[in-house]
Amino acid sequence: MRQTILSIALEVIPESAEKLSLIIEKLKRDEENPGQGMAQSYEGLKAGVPLLHFMSMSVFFSADYDPVFFIEANFDGEPGPFWAQIEARLGPYLRPMLRCCKRPGDSDGPLYDAVTADQSRYPIAPYLERRTLTPSAFHQGNRGLARDRILQEGELFLATQAEFAATDAASASPYRGVSAQQIHQKLRAAMLPQFSWLGTSAPVRVSWAGRIKDMARLLVFVLVALFCLSIPGMAFALITPPLRFYGLLAVAIAVVGVWLWRIREPLTGKGAPAPSGGLTPKSLSTQNKVTSLAHPAGLAFWVLVMLGLYLVVATCTSALVAVPVTGLHFSALWWPTFGIVKLGLVSVGFTILAIVLWLRLLERRDSSQDAPPVDQRELRKMTHREDWIPQNHMGSIVLVKPGVLRMALFRAGHLGLGLIIRVVATDGYLGSMRTIHFAHWAFLNNGSRLVFFSNFDHGWDSYLDDFIEKAHGGLTLSWGSGVGFPPTRFLVLDGASHGRQFKAWARHSMAVSRFWFSAYKDLTVDQIERNTRIADGLRQTSLKPEEAMAWALDL
């Protein structure tokens, strides 16, 4: 089951910002106070858009830019059907909202005119699709679980608890004093009449084709990164004899290495109060089998395989490109090209050290906000809307530090981190945390701003505390190039480890979630996975003793 995460950013006409906020608030009131025939809040949206997991609408205000209107959505399937459902349900609200936004200056301008014209009935969905942002990195907590399946398995869990409560009220419960296998048989017999879908096989959450596709993307990313890092070495190898190349490379590595060693420590008063790091393949998931590669022997083996594959692919590609340029045959170019590619690969270490040195020199001159200003009125609005249910929502926009190197590393870091998460974090865990339903980052305005949205469990403070304590390296990589971010070292160190400073910076960048919808507001990520394990067990006609014991622990 494909799950889609997206957001739409629309610049707001400044004088219409208050009107837009009022329209969003009206939508919120109308959904919270359903009309006749609807028993619960948001039932109309839940029924009208059966693909939707989470949705939010926010308006960000700042002295650095005009107001920005965001629509964030997390849903099943492709965007086309989803936007058609959204328009059918929320069209009367969306069109006035769009009229409060600026007309795009690009090719989407005529489409905006058609949608926002007086008395217009032109479809809204095509315009929303055109203005959609592509996430730079994202995470799905219950990957592959469709909304209907989550709701059905939640109902099944409640039914099992009711069954146990009813039998416990009897003088002799049939579930007491029996083996786990017998509990499974009796409970399955009791549930099957109510939930006929237990007689069918569970849908595949992540297909093998999907896993292979994710791993292939990560492989291509690694190969491209190696090639880009080896370009300076290959260029130098074209004009330098091999022995001289190795000698000069050794001298350059020594000089850069000594320089880095001398500036490795944080500046006075800029060190993090907690140990830094937390960004390893193993830290991204506690259970996924792919993390076995983090074992030293397995990691060494796969590194050698990767380097060998790179040499072959890079040599073939470079030789093929050189054929039309030089007019020589491919076979005549193979070995000379292989030699240059090999020297380029050897030089990757120096290129990395040189980039890290450049970055470290920039980091030492970076400024950070020790006390970011927070609008207390807006803060009260945020806190008032938090912690009503086990889930919460946050949205953030930060300005991105300028510079070619920083932007290249920032985008490459997001891309690489997102690809690693897709391969590794498929069991709901992100590190040792299992609290995120859907989260994503996206770049705005040619990369000058970065937006972050997250739908998560428990309180905002505990959510960020988890990241600060358990995944501060990944958090620093993802947000570290934001203007005012706490002092970083080597892209992933310190940064978010400055706990109080980071949380103040994050609050400063947030906006009130004026409208927020959750299709299963009482379920945490962990409870959803628990419900799935119970349902998967009940789908089986029988379980082995050890399987039954493990299954019964979730009851």
Protein backbone atom coordinates (compact mmCIF):
# COMPACT_ATOMS: atom_id res chain seq x y z
CA MET A 1 0.00 0.00 0.00
CA ARG A 2 1.48 3.30 -1.09
CA GLN A 3 1.19 6.15 1.38
CA THR A 4 1.69 9.71 0.16
CA ILE A 5 2.99 12.70 2.12
CA LEU A 6 2.72 16.16 0.61
CA SER A 7 2.28 19.83 1.41
CA ILE A 8 1.24 22.90 -0.52
CA ALA A 9 2.70 26.36 0.12
CA LEU A 10 0.79 29.42 -1.11
CA GLU A 11 1.91 32.99 -0.49
CA VAL A 12 -0.89 35.06 1.04
CA ILE A 13 -1.90 38.61 0.16
CA PRO A 14 -0.86 40.37 3.39
CA GLU A 15 -4.13 42.30 3.82
CA SER A 16 -6.10 39.05 3.32
CA ALA A 17 -4.22 37.00 5.91
CA GLU A 18 -6.74 37.62 8.70
CA LYS A 19 -9.63 36.76 6.39
CA LEU A 20 -7.91 33.51 5.43
CA SER A 21 -7.42 32.60 9.10
CA LEU A 22 -11.12 33.20 9.75
CA ILE A 23 -12.13 30.93 6.86
CA ILE A 24 -9.89 28.16 8.24
CA GLU A 25 -11.39 28.66 11.70
CA LYS A 26 -14.89 28.42 10.20
CA LEU A 27 -13.97 25.13 8.54
CA LYS A 28 -12.71 23.89 11.90
CA ARG A 29 -15.93 24.88 13.70
CA ASP A 30 -18.12 23.34 11.01
CA GLU A 31 -16.23 20.03 11.17
CA GLU A 32 -16.19 20.00 14.98
CA ASN A 33 -19.95 20.68 15.12
CA PRO A 34 -21.36 18.26 12.54
CA GLY A 35 -24.76 18.70 11.02
CA GLN A 36 -27.76 16.47 11.16
CA GLY A 37 -27.04 12.78 10.61
CA MET A 38 -23.42 13.01 11.79
CA ALA A 39 -22.72 11.69 15.26
CA GLN A 40 -19.10 12.75 15.75
CA SER A 41 -16.79 15.66 15.00
CA TYR A 42 -15.01 15.48 11.63
CA GLU A 43 -17.26 12.59 10.58
CA GLY A 44 -18.10 14.35 7.33
CA LEU A 45 -14.44 14.75 6.35
CA LYS A 46 -13.64 11.24 7.50
CA ALA A 47 -16.41 9.77 5.36
CA GLY A 48 -15.94 12.12 2.40
CA VAL A 49 -12.21 11.53 2.10
CA PRO A 50 -11.72 7.82 2.95
CA LEU A 51 -8.04 7.92 1.92
CA LEU A 52 -7.03 10.57 4.46
CA HIS A 53 -4.93 9.80 7.56
CA PHE A 54 -3.93 13.31 8.71
CA MET A 55 -4.47 16.82 7.37
CA SER A 56 -3.57 20.29 8.61
CA MET A 57 -3.91 23.93 7.56
CA SER A 58 -1.63 26.65 8.94
CA VAL A 59 -0.76 30.27 8.21
CA PHE A 60 2.83 31.28 9.00
CA PHE A 61 3.61 34.92 9.81
CA SER A 62 7.09 36.42 9.93
CA ALA A 63 8.86 39.73 9.55
CA ASP A 64 11.13 38.02 6.99
CA TYR A 65 8.42 37.11 4.46
CA ASP A 66 4.76 37.63 3.62
CA PRO A 67 2.28 35.20 5.24
CA VAL A 68 2.37 31.66 3.85
CA PHE A 69 -0.63 29.32 3.77
CA PHE A 70 0.13 25.61 4.10
CA ILE A 71 -2.01 22.57 3.47
CA GLU A 72 -0.39 19.34 4.66
CA ALA A 73 -1.86 15.92 3.92
CA ASN A 74 -0.99 12.27 4.56
CA PHE A 75 -3.11 9.75 2.68
CA ASP A 76 -3.29 6.41 0.88
CA GLY A 77 -2.70 6.01 -2.83
CA GLU A 78 -2.07 8.54 -5.58
CA PRO A 79 -2.64 12.31 -5.31
CA GLY A 80 -5.24 12.47 -8.11
CA PRO A 81 -8.10 10.58 -6.40
CA PHE A 82 -7.26 12.22 -3.09
CA TRP A 83 -7.52 15.78 -4.42
CA ALA A 84 -10.79 14.92 -6.15
CA GLN A 85 -12.22 13.78 -2.80
CA ILE A 86 -10.88 16.87 -1.03
CA GLU A 87 -12.47 19.17 -3.59
CA ALA A 88 -15.80 17.38 -3.36
CA ARG A 89 -15.81 17.74 0.43
CA LEU A 90 -14.03 21.06 1.05
CA GLY A 91 -14.47 22.93 -2.24
CA PRO A 92 -16.76 25.64 -0.77
CA TYR A 93 -14.00 26.47 1.74
CA LEU A 94 -10.93 26.01 -0.48
CA ARG A 95 -11.96 28.43 -3.22
CA PRO A 96 -12.35 31.43 -0.84
CA MET A 97 -9.04 30.42 0.76
CA LEU A 98 -7.27 30.50 -2.60
CA ARG A 99 -8.71 33.95 -3.33
CA CYS A 100 -6.79 35.19 -0.28
CA CYS A 101 -3.52 33.99 -1.82
CA LYS A 102 -1.24 35.68 -4.33
CA ARG A 103 -1.47 34.96 -8.03
CA PRO A 104 1.60 32.91 -9.07
CA GLY A 105 3.95 34.71 -11.41
CA ASP A 106 4.85 31.53 -13.30
CA SER A 107 2.87 29.41 -15.75
CA ASP A 108 0.32 28.54 -13.04
CA GLY A 109 -1.06 32.08 -13.13
CA PRO A 110 -3.82 31.41 -15.72
CA LEU A 111 -4.89 28.32 -13.79
CA TYR A 112 -5.14 30.42 -10.61
CA ASP A 113 -7.27 32.96 -12.48
CA ALA A 114 -9.65 30.25 -13.65
CA VAL A 115 -10.00 28.78 -10.16
CA THR A 116 -10.50 32.08 -8.31
CA ALA A 117 -12.67 33.96 -10.81
CA ASP A 118 -16.01 35.26 -9.57
CA GLN A 119 -18.67 32.51 -9.66
CA SER A 120 -16.02 30.08 -10.93
CA ARG A 121 -16.72 26.36 -10.97
CA TYR A 122 -13.38 25.45 -12.48
CA PRO A 123 -11.85 22.37 -10.76
CA ILE A 124 -9.57 23.24 -7.84
CA ALA A 125 -7.68 19.93 -7.74
CA PRO A 126 -5.41 20.59 -10.79
CA TYR A 127 -4.18 23.85 -9.25
CA LEU A 128 -3.44 22.21 -5.90
CA GLU A 129 -1.53 19.42 -7.64
CA ARG A 130 0.58 21.96 -9.52
CA ARG A 131 1.53 23.79 -6.31
CA THR A 132 2.47 20.64 -4.39
CA LEU A 133 5.91 20.48 -2.75
CA THR A 134 8.07 17.35 -3.00
CA PRO A 135 9.36 16.25 0.44
CA SER A 136 13.15 16.31 0.76
CA ALA A 137 12.97 13.62 3.48
CA PHE A 138 10.08 11.89 5.20
CA HIS A 139 9.12 9.11 7.60
CA GLN A 140 6.00 6.96 7.88
CA GLY A 141 5.47 5.33 11.26
CA ASN A 142 2.97 2.65 10.23
CA ARG A 143 4.25 2.19 6.72
CA GLY A 144 2.04 0.19 4.40
CA LEU A 145 -1.04 0.21 6.65
CA ALA A 146 -4.05 1.67 4.85
CA ARG A 147 -6.41 3.87 6.87
CA ASP A 148 -9.27 1.36 6.62
CA ARG A 149 -7.02 -1.41 7.90
CA ILE A 150 -5.88 0.69 10.86
CA LEU A 151 -9.49 1.44 11.79
CA GLN A 152 -10.64 -2.17 11.34
CA GLU A 153 -7.81 -3.55 13.45
CA GLY A 154 -8.51 -0.90 16.09
CA GLU A 155 -12.13 -2.11 16.28
CA LEU A 156 -10.90 -5.70 16.50
CA PHE A 157 -8.67 -4.84 19.46
CA LEU A 158 -11.58 -3.24 21.33
CA ALA A 159 -13.72 -6.29 20.57
CA THR A 160 -11.06 -8.64 22.00
CA GLN A 161 -10.89 -6.57 25.20
CA ALA A 162 -14.68 -6.63 25.46
CA GLU A 163 -14.64 -10.40 24.97
CA PHE A 164 -12.13 -10.87 27.78
CA ALA A 165 -14.10 -8.53 30.06
CA ALA A 166 -17.37 -10.40 29.41
CA THR A 167 -15.86 -13.80 30.05
CA ASP A 168 -14.07 -12.58 33.19
CA ALA A 169 -17.45 -11.58 34.57
CA ALA A 170 -18.56 -15.20 34.27
CA SER A 171 -17.80 -17.70 37.00
CA ALA A 172 -15.32 -19.60 34.86
CA SER A 173 -13.54 -17.81 32.02
CA PRO A 174 -12.66 -20.09 29.06
CA TYR A 175 -9.47 -18.04 28.57
CA ARG A 176 -8.01 -18.78 31.98
CA GLY A 177 -5.83 -21.77 32.80
CA VAL A 178 -5.32 -22.73 29.14
CA SER A 179 -2.36 -22.54 26.77
CA ALA A 180 -1.67 -19.64 24.44
CA GLN A 181 -2.60 -21.86 21.48
CA GLN A 182 -6.01 -22.56 23.03
CA ILE A 183 -6.55 -18.85 23.72
CA HIS A 184 -5.81 -18.20 20.06
CA GLN A 185 -8.29 -20.84 18.89
CA LYS A 186 -11.09 -19.69 21.20
CA LEU A 187 -10.58 -15.99 20.50
CA ARG A 188 -10.43 -16.55 16.75
CA ALA A 189 -13.69 -18.49 16.87
CA ALA A 190 -15.30 -15.65 18.85
CA MET A 191 -14.05 -12.86 16.57
CA LEU A 192 -14.48 -14.44 13.14
CA PRO A 193 -18.29 -13.96 12.98
CA GLN A 194 -17.88 -10.22 13.72
CA PHE A 195 -14.81 -9.67 11.53
CA SER A 196 -15.08 -11.85 8.44
CA TRP A 197 -11.89 -10.33 7.00
CA LEU A 198 -9.95 -12.43 9.53
CA GLY A 199 -10.55 -15.31 7.13
CA THR A 200 -8.41 -13.63 4.45
CA SER A 201 -4.67 -13.08 4.22
CA ALA A 202 -3.28 -9.75 5.37
CA PRO A 203 -2.35 -7.31 2.57
CA VAL A 204 1.39 -6.95 2.03
CA ARG A 205 2.59 -3.80 3.76
CA VAL A 206 5.80 -3.28 1.78
CA SER A 207 6.24 -5.46 -1.29
CA TRP A 208 9.56 -6.97 -2.28
CA ALA A 209 9.44 -4.83 -5.40
CA GLY A 210 9.07 -1.75 -3.21
CA ARG A 211 11.97 -2.80 -0.97
CA ILE A 212 14.19 -3.47 -3.98
CA LYS A 213 13.25 -0.09 -5.44
CA ASP A 214 14.17 1.66 -2.18
CA MET A 215 17.51 -0.15 -1.97
CA ALA A 216 18.23 0.59 -5.64
CA ARG A 217 17.65 4.31 -5.06
CA LEU A 218 20.02 4.27 -2.09
CA LEU A 219 22.61 2.41 -4.16
CA VAL A 220 22.37 4.94 -6.99
CA PHE A 221 22.72 7.77 -4.48
CA VAL A 222 25.90 6.24 -3.03
CA LEU A 223 27.41 5.66 -6.48
CA VAL A 224 26.62 9.20 -7.63
CA ALA A 225 28.02 10.64 -4.39
CA LEU A 226 31.25 8.67 -4.83
CA PHE A 227 31.56 9.87 -8.41
CA CYS A 228 31.02 13.54 -7.45
CA LEU A 229 33.57 13.26 -4.63
CA SER A 230 36.12 11.67 -6.97
CA ILE A 231 35.87 14.33 -9.72
CA PRO A 232 38.70 16.54 -8.34
CA GLY A 233 40.99 13.52 -8.06
CA MET A 234 40.18 12.30 -11.58
CA ALA A 235 40.81 15.75 -13.01
CA PHE A 236 44.18 15.88 -11.25
CA ALA A 237 45.02 12.31 -12.31
CA LEU A 238 44.72 13.29 -15.98
CA ILE A 239 47.80 15.52 -15.71
CA THR A 240 49.84 13.84 -12.96
CA PRO A 241 51.86 10.59 -13.04
CA PRO A 242 50.51 7.99 -10.56
CA LEU A 243 53.51 8.00 -8.18
CA ARG A 244 53.56 11.78 -8.00
CA PHE A 245 49.76 11.72 -7.56
CA TYR A 246 50.03 9.45 -4.50
CA GLY A 247 52.78 11.59 -3.00
CA LEU A 248 50.96 14.87 -3.43
CA LEU A 249 47.73 13.28 -2.16
CA ALA A 250 49.47 12.07 1.01
CA VAL A 251 50.88 15.53 1.67
CA ALA A 252 47.50 17.20 1.06
CA ILE A 253 45.70 14.75 3.38
CA ALA A 254 48.28 15.36 6.10
CA VAL A 255 47.95 19.15 5.85
CA VAL A 256 44.14 19.13 5.87
CA GLY A 257 44.03 16.48 8.59
CA VAL A 258 46.28 18.50 10.92
CA TRP A 259 44.27 21.66 10.24
CA LEU A 260 41.01 19.84 11.05
CA TRP A 261 42.49 18.37 14.21
CA ARG A 262 43.44 21.82 15.45
CA ILE A 263 39.87 23.20 15.03
CA ARG A 264 37.94 20.07 15.96
CA GLU A 265 36.84 21.33 19.40
CA PRO A 266 33.84 23.64 19.84
CA LEU A 267 34.47 27.32 20.43
CA THR A 268 34.39 28.59 23.99
CA GLY A 269 30.85 28.41 25.35
CA LYS A 270 29.53 26.65 22.22
CA GLY A 271 29.98 23.02 23.27
CA ALA A 272 26.93 20.81 23.71
CA PRO A 273 26.03 19.83 27.28
CA ALA A 274 25.36 16.23 26.18
CA PRO A 275 27.35 13.67 24.14
CA SER A 276 26.87 14.22 20.43
CA GLY A 277 26.25 11.74 17.65
CA GLY A 278 23.35 9.35 17.32
CA LEU A 279 23.44 9.08 13.53
CA THR A 280 24.35 5.52 12.60
CA PRO A 281 22.63 2.95 10.39
CA LYS A 282 21.82 0.90 13.47
CA SER A 283 20.30 3.88 15.27
CA LEU A 284 17.67 4.42 12.57
CA SER A 285 15.72 1.29 13.50
CA THR A 286 15.89 -1.09 16.43
CA GLN A 287 14.47 -4.15 14.70
CA ASN A 288 14.96 -4.01 10.94
CA LYS A 289 17.20 -6.78 9.62
CA VAL A 290 19.01 -4.43 7.26
CA THR A 291 20.74 -2.94 10.31
CA SER A 292 22.74 -6.15 10.66
CA LEU A 293 25.01 -4.52 8.09
CA ALA A 294 26.18 -2.28 10.92
CA HIS A 295 28.18 -5.22 12.30
CA PRO A 296 31.88 -4.52 11.56
CA ALA A 297 32.46 -7.67 9.50
CA GLY A 298 29.26 -7.29 7.50
CA LEU A 299 29.86 -3.59 7.00
CA ALA A 300 33.42 -4.19 5.75
CA PHE A 301 32.19 -6.80 3.28
CA TRP A 302 29.50 -4.56 1.84
CA VAL A 303 31.86 -1.59 1.64
CA LEU A 304 34.24 -3.67 -0.48
CA VAL A 305 31.36 -4.82 -2.68
CA MET A 306 30.20 -1.21 -3.09
CA LEU A 307 33.68 0.02 -4.02
CA GLY A 308 34.13 -2.77 -6.55
CA LEU A 309 30.74 -2.05 -8.08
CA TYR A 310 31.58 1.65 -8.25
CA LEU A 311 34.86 0.99 -10.08
CA VAL A 312 33.12 -1.09 -12.71
CA VAL A 313 30.13 1.22 -13.21
CA ALA A 314 32.17 4.45 -13.19
CA THR A 315 34.76 3.01 -15.60
CA CYS A 316 32.15 1.77 -18.06
CA THR A 317 30.19 5.03 -17.93
CA SER A 318 33.26 7.24 -18.32
CA ALA A 319 34.68 5.12 -21.15
CA LEU A 320 31.36 5.21 -23.01
CA VAL A 321 31.25 9.00 -22.67
CA ALA A 322 34.86 9.23 -23.91
CA VAL A 323 34.20 7.15 -27.05
CA PRO A 324 32.46 9.91 -29.09
CA VAL A 325 34.84 12.54 -27.68
CA THR A 326 38.11 10.75 -28.54
CA GLY A 327 36.98 8.59 -31.46
CA LEU A 328 38.72 5.56 -29.87
CA HIS A 329 37.19 2.12 -29.37
CA PHE A 330 35.68 1.23 -26.00
CA SER A 331 38.18 -1.59 -25.44
CA ALA A 332 41.10 0.81 -25.98
CA LEU A 333 39.71 3.24 -23.41
CA TRP A 334 38.82 0.72 -20.70
CA TRP A 335 42.15 0.32 -18.87
CA PRO A 336 43.28 3.97 -19.08
CA THR A 337 39.86 5.01 -17.83
CA PHE A 338 39.98 2.40 -15.06
CA GLY A 339 43.31 3.83 -13.89
CA ILE A 340 41.92 7.37 -13.71
CA VAL A 341 38.73 6.22 -11.94
CA LYS A 342 40.83 4.25 -9.44
CA LEU A 343 42.96 7.29 -8.63
CA GLY A 344 39.81 9.37 -8.31
CA LEU A 345 38.40 6.86 -5.83
CA VAL A 346 41.63 6.95 -3.82
CA SER A 347 41.29 10.74 -3.62
CA VAL A 348 37.76 10.61 -2.17
CA GLY A 349 39.20 10.66 1.35
CA PHE A 350 40.99 13.94 0.67
CA THR A 351 37.90 15.45 -0.97
CA ILE A 352 35.81 14.58 2.06
CA LEU A 353 38.42 16.04 4.42
CA ALA A 354 38.61 19.23 2.34
CA ILE A 355 34.81 19.62 2.35
CA VAL A 356 34.67 18.99 6.10
CA LEU A 357 37.41 21.58 6.65
CA TRP A 358 35.54 24.14 4.56
CA LEU A 359 32.34 23.36 6.46
CA ARG A 360 34.06 23.56 9.84
CA LEU A 361 35.49 26.97 8.99
CA LEU A 362 31.97 28.14 8.12
CA GLU A 363 30.54 26.64 11.31
CA ARG A 364 33.05 28.52 13.45
CA ARG A 365 31.76 31.81 12.00
CA ASP A 366 28.06 30.92 12.21
CA SER A 367 25.76 32.88 14.49
CA SER A 368 23.03 31.27 16.59
CA GLN A 369 20.04 32.52 18.56
CA ASP A 370 20.43 32.00 22.29
CA ALA A 371 16.98 33.42 23.03
CA PRO A 372 14.78 33.38 19.89
CA PRO A 373 11.77 35.70 20.27
CA VAL A 374 8.51 33.82 20.80
CA ASP A 375 5.15 35.57 20.48
CA GLN A 376 3.52 34.71 23.80
CA ARG A 377 0.03 35.16 22.38
CA GLU A 378 0.72 32.71 19.58
CA LEU A 379 2.42 30.36 22.03
CA ARG A 380 -0.70 30.27 24.19
CA LYS A 381 -2.76 29.44 21.10
CA MET A 382 -0.39 26.57 20.28
CA THR A 383 -0.37 25.11 23.77
CA HIS A 384 -4.15 25.46 24.02
CA ARG A 385 -4.56 23.17 21.00
CA GLU A 386 -2.05 20.57 22.19
CA ASP A 387 -2.56 17.41 24.28
CA TRP A 388 -6.31 17.05 23.85
CA ILE A 389 -5.78 13.55 22.42
CA PRO A 390 -2.78 11.16 22.45
CA GLN A 391 -1.58 12.72 19.18
CA ASN A 392 -0.24 16.19 18.41
CA HIS A 393 0.83 18.18 15.37
CA MET A 394 3.54 20.72 14.64
CA GLY A 395 4.62 22.81 11.69
CA SER A 396 7.78 24.89 11.33
CA ILE A 397 9.45 27.19 8.77
CA VAL A 398 13.08 28.26 9.07
CA LEU A 399 15.35 30.33 6.87
CA VAL A 400 18.31 28.44 5.35
CA LYS A 401 21.87 29.69 5.65
CA PRO A 402 23.30 30.87 2.30
CA GLY A 403 26.24 29.37 0.47
CA VAL A 404 26.87 26.81 -2.28
CA LEU A 405 28.60 24.29 -0.04
CA ARG A 406 26.04 24.46 2.74
CA MET A 407 23.10 24.11 0.36
CA ALA A 408 24.73 21.19 -1.47
CA LEU A 409 25.43 19.37 1.80
CA PHE A 410 22.00 20.25 3.20
CA ARG A 411 20.13 18.88 0.20
CA ALA A 412 22.40 15.84 -0.15
CA GLY A 413 22.04 15.17 3.58
CA HIS A 414 18.26 15.30 3.37
CA LEU A 415 18.20 13.08 0.30
CA GLY A 416 20.58 10.52 1.79
CA LEU A 417 18.85 10.49 5.17
CA GLY A 418 15.46 10.05 3.51
CA LEU A 419 16.72 7.13 1.40
CA ILE A 420 18.31 5.44 4.41
CA ILE A 421 15.09 5.81 6.41
CA ARG A 422 13.10 4.23 3.56
CA VAL A 423 15.39 1.20 3.56
CA VAL A 424 15.93 0.80 7.29
CA ALA A 425 13.02 2.26 9.25
CA THR A 426 10.21 0.01 8.00
CA ASP A 427 9.01 -1.28 11.39
CA GLY A 428 7.63 1.94 12.87
CA TYR A 429 10.82 2.73 14.74
CA LEU A 430 13.06 5.71 14.09
CA GLY A 431 16.00 4.87 16.28
CA SER A 432 14.49 3.67 19.54
CA MET A 433 11.47 5.98 19.04
CA ARG A 434 8.08 4.88 17.87
CA THR A 435 6.06 8.07 18.16
CA ILE A 436 5.87 9.52 14.61
CA HIS A 437 2.87 8.81 12.40
CA PHE A 438 3.92 10.97 9.43
CA ALA A 439 6.66 13.60 9.19
CA HIS A 440 8.43 15.38 6.36
CA TRP A 441 10.75 18.22 5.37
CA ALA A 442 10.46 20.27 2.15
CA PHE A 443 12.42 23.16 0.65
CA LEU A 444 10.67 26.40 -0.38
CA ASN A 445 11.60 29.27 -2.67
CA ASN A 446 14.64 27.77 -4.38
CA GLY A 447 15.83 26.31 -1.11
CA SER A 448 15.91 29.55 0.89
CA ARG A 449 13.42 28.20 3.44
CA LEU A 450 12.77 24.80 4.98
CA VAL A 451 9.38 23.58 6.21
CA PHE A 452 8.80 20.69 8.62
CA PHE A 453 5.51 19.02 9.52
CA SER A 454 5.00 16.17 11.95
CA ASN A 455 2.03 14.21 13.30
CA PHE A 456 3.25 12.53 16.46
CA ASP A 457 2.25 10.89 19.75
CA HIS A 458 2.37 12.40 23.24
CA GLY A 459 3.34 15.96 24.17
CA TRP A 460 5.47 18.38 22.18
CA ASP A 461 8.13 18.61 24.90
CA SER A 462 8.50 14.83 25.24
CA TYR A 463 8.56 14.47 21.46
CA LEU A 464 11.52 16.81 21.05
CA ASP A 465 13.19 15.43 24.19
CA ASP A 466 13.18 12.00 22.55
CA PHE A 467 14.98 13.39 19.50
CA ILE A 468 17.42 15.41 21.57
CA GLU A 469 18.39 12.39 23.66
CA LYS A 470 18.22 9.59 21.09
CA ALA A 471 18.62 11.03 17.58
CA HIS A 472 20.23 14.44 17.93
CA GLY A 473 22.70 13.67 15.13
CA GLY A 474 19.95 13.09 12.59
CA LEU A 475 18.03 16.09 13.86
CA THR A 476 21.13 18.29 13.54
CA LEU A 477 21.73 17.03 9.99
CA SER A 478 18.11 17.78 9.05
CA TRP A 479 17.85 21.24 10.60
CA GLY A 480 21.44 22.32 11.20
CA SER A 481 21.66 24.70 8.24
CA GLY A 482 18.73 26.74 9.49
CA VAL A 483 19.46 30.36 10.40
CA GLY A 484 19.88 30.71 14.16
CA PHE A 485 20.18 26.96 14.81
CA PRO A 486 22.33 26.11 17.87
CA PRO A 487 26.09 25.80 17.12
CA THR A 488 27.01 22.66 15.18
CA ARG A 489 30.22 20.77 14.50
CA PHE A 490 30.90 18.66 11.42
CA LEU A 491 27.26 18.87 10.27
CA VAL A 492 25.88 16.30 12.77
CA LEU A 493 27.55 17.07 16.12
CA ASP A 494 26.34 19.38 18.92
CA GLY A 495 23.43 21.35 17.40
CA ALA A 496 20.25 19.73 18.72
CA SER A 497 22.17 18.50 21.78
CA HIS A 498 21.78 22.06 23.08
CA GLY A 499 18.36 20.97 24.34
CA ARG A 500 16.83 24.15 25.75
CA GLN A 501 18.28 26.35 23.04
CA PHE A 502 17.06 24.01 20.30
CA LYS A 503 13.52 23.78 21.73
CA ALA A 504 13.30 27.57 21.98
CA TRP A 505 14.50 27.85 18.38
CA ALA A 506 11.91 25.28 17.27
CA ARG A 507 9.07 27.10 19.08
CA HIS A 508 10.14 30.36 17.45
CA SER A 509 9.74 28.78 14.00
CA MET A 510 6.31 27.22 14.63
CA ALA A 511 2.82 28.42 13.77
CA VAL A 512 -0.60 27.58 15.15
CA SER A 513 -2.20 24.54 13.50
CA ARG A 514 -5.52 26.24 12.83
CA PHE A 515 -7.08 23.12 11.36
CA TRP A 516 -5.94 19.58 12.09
CA PHE A 517 -7.63 16.27 11.31
CA SER A 518 -6.73 12.77 12.47
CA ALA A 519 -8.64 9.76 11.18
CA TYR A 520 -7.81 7.69 14.29
CA LYS A 521 -7.28 10.20 17.07
CA ASP A 522 -7.10 7.67 19.93
CA LEU A 523 -4.39 5.45 18.44
CA THR A 524 -0.64 5.80 18.92
CA VAL A 525 1.92 4.40 16.47
CA ASP A 526 2.79 1.67 18.96
CA GLN A 527 -0.86 0.73 19.53
CA ILE A 528 -1.47 0.51 15.78
CA GLU A 529 1.44 -1.92 15.42
CA ARG A 530 0.12 -3.89 18.41
CA ASN A 531 -3.33 -4.08 16.82
CA THR A 532 -1.77 -5.33 13.58
CA ARG A 533 0.16 -8.09 15.35
CA ILE A 534 -3.02 -9.25 17.10
CA ALA A 535 -4.98 -9.19 13.84
CA ASP A 536 -2.23 -11.01 11.92
CA GLY A 537 -2.24 -13.73 14.59
CA LEU A 538 -6.02 -14.11 14.42
CA ARG A 539 -5.86 -14.40 10.64
CA GLN A 540 -3.89 -17.63 11.11
CA THR A 541 -5.89 -20.81 11.58
CA SER A 542 -3.25 -22.10 14.00
CA LEU A 543 -0.01 -20.97 15.63
CA LYS A 544 3.02 -22.87 16.84
CA PRO A 545 3.54 -22.83 20.65
CA GLU A 546 6.32 -20.19 20.51
CA GLU A 547 4.33 -18.09 18.01
CA ALA A 548 1.24 -18.27 20.21
CA MET A 549 3.20 -17.20 23.28
CA ALA A 550 4.64 -14.15 21.48
CA TRP A 551 1.19 -13.29 20.07
CA ALA A 552 -0.54 -13.58 23.46
CA LEU A 553 1.80 -10.98 24.97
CA ASP A 554 0.01 -8.29 22.93
CA LEU A 555 -3.47 -9.15 24.24
